[in-house]
Amino acid sequence: MRGCDQASSRVFHEAGHIIHEDVRKIGQPGNLIAAFCDMVEPVVASGDGDSAVSAIYPHLQKPSNTEKPSTPTLPS
C-alpha cells in the first residue's frame, strides 16, 4: 500500500506544478480543473487516490456503506 500512497502523492505534486505554471503564465486559473483532473483521474480510477485525497482534505470523509447520501430536492 505504501507504493500507492507514494504514487498518489506524486500525481498531486505534479498537478500542483501544472496549476502553478498555468496561473503564473496567464494570471488566472485557466484550465486549472481540467489539468488537475487529467493528472488525478488515472490514480483515482485505479483506487490509489483515496489516501492522497484524505491527506490533502482530511475533513472530507466517504460515507459508510450503511449511510445513504442525501438527495437534493428540486423546488416544484
Protein backbone atom coordinates (compact mmCIF):
# COMPACT_ATOMS: atom_id res chain seq x y z
CA MET A 1 0.00 0.00 0.00
CA ARG A 2 2.91 2.38 0.59
CA GLY A 3 3.69 2.44 -3.13
CA CYS A 4 0.13 3.52 -3.86
CA ASP A 5 0.44 6.38 -1.38
CA GLN A 6 3.69 7.50 -2.99
CA ALA A 7 2.17 7.35 -6.47
CA SER A 8 -0.84 9.37 -5.35
CA SER A 9 1.34 11.99 -3.71
CA ARG A 10 3.45 12.29 -6.85
CA VAL A 11 0.36 12.83 -9.01
CA PHE A 12 -0.94 15.57 -6.72
CA HIS A 13 2.52 17.15 -6.63
CA GLU A 14 2.75 17.17 -10.44
CA ALA A 15 -0.77 18.57 -10.76
CA GLY A 16 0.26 21.37 -8.43
CA HIS A 17 3.15 22.26 -10.73
CA ILE A 18 0.86 22.39 -13.76
CA ILE A 19 -1.63 24.57 -11.91
CA HIS A 20 1.11 26.88 -10.64
CA GLU A 21 2.58 27.32 -14.13
CA ASP A 22 -0.87 27.98 -15.62
CA VAL A 23 -1.58 30.69 -13.06
CA ARG A 24 1.89 32.23 -13.43
CA LYS A 25 1.72 32.38 -17.23
CA ILE A 26 -1.76 33.80 -17.75
CA GLY A 27 -2.55 35.31 -14.37
CA GLN A 28 -5.68 33.27 -13.82
CA PRO A 29 -6.58 29.62 -13.20
CA GLY A 30 -7.32 28.94 -16.87
CA ASN A 31 -7.60 25.17 -17.32
CA LEU A 32 -6.95 24.53 -13.64
CA ILE A 33 -9.73 21.97 -13.18
CA ALA A 34 -9.00 20.16 -16.46
CA ALA A 35 -5.29 19.93 -15.69
CA PHE A 36 -5.93 18.67 -12.19
CA CYS A 37 -8.46 16.07 -13.34
CA ASP A 38 -6.16 14.86 -16.12
CA MET A 39 -3.40 14.25 -13.58
CA VAL A 40 -5.51 12.72 -10.83
CA GLU A 41 -8.08 10.70 -12.76
CA PRO A 42 -5.83 7.69 -13.57
CA VAL A 43 -4.78 7.34 -9.93
CA VAL A 44 -8.31 7.72 -8.57
CA ALA A 45 -9.67 5.33 -11.19
CA SER A 46 -7.14 2.71 -10.10
CA GLY A 47 -8.27 3.11 -6.50
CA ASP A 48 -4.97 4.59 -5.33
CA GLY A 49 -6.16 8.17 -4.89
CA ASP A 50 -8.16 7.83 -1.67
CA SER A 51 -5.19 8.15 0.65
CA ALA A 52 -3.85 11.21 -1.18
CA VAL A 53 -7.25 12.90 -1.10
CA SER A 54 -7.60 12.08 2.59
CA ALA A 55 -4.17 13.52 3.31
CA ILE A 56 -4.89 16.78 1.48
CA TYR A 57 -8.53 17.15 2.53
CA PRO A 58 -8.84 15.41 5.91
CA HIS A 59 -12.28 16.94 6.54
CA LEU A 60 -13.71 15.01 3.56
CA GLN A 61 -14.83 11.56 4.51
CA LYS A 62 -16.57 8.95 2.45
CA PRO A 63 -19.97 7.93 3.81
CA SER A 64 -20.04 4.41 5.13
CA ASN A 65 -21.88 1.79 3.13
CA THR A 66 -24.81 1.94 5.55
CA GLU A 67 -25.35 5.68 5.12
CA LYS A 68 -27.49 6.85 2.24
CA PRO A 69 -26.31 10.01 0.52
CA SER A 70 -28.75 12.86 0.81
CA THR A 71 -30.59 13.59 -2.41
CA PRO A 72 -31.30 17.25 -3.03
CA THR A 73 -34.87 18.02 -3.99
CA LEU A 74 -35.75 20.48 -6.67
CA PRO A 75 -38.36 23.12 -5.87
CA SER A 76 -41.61 22.44 -7.68
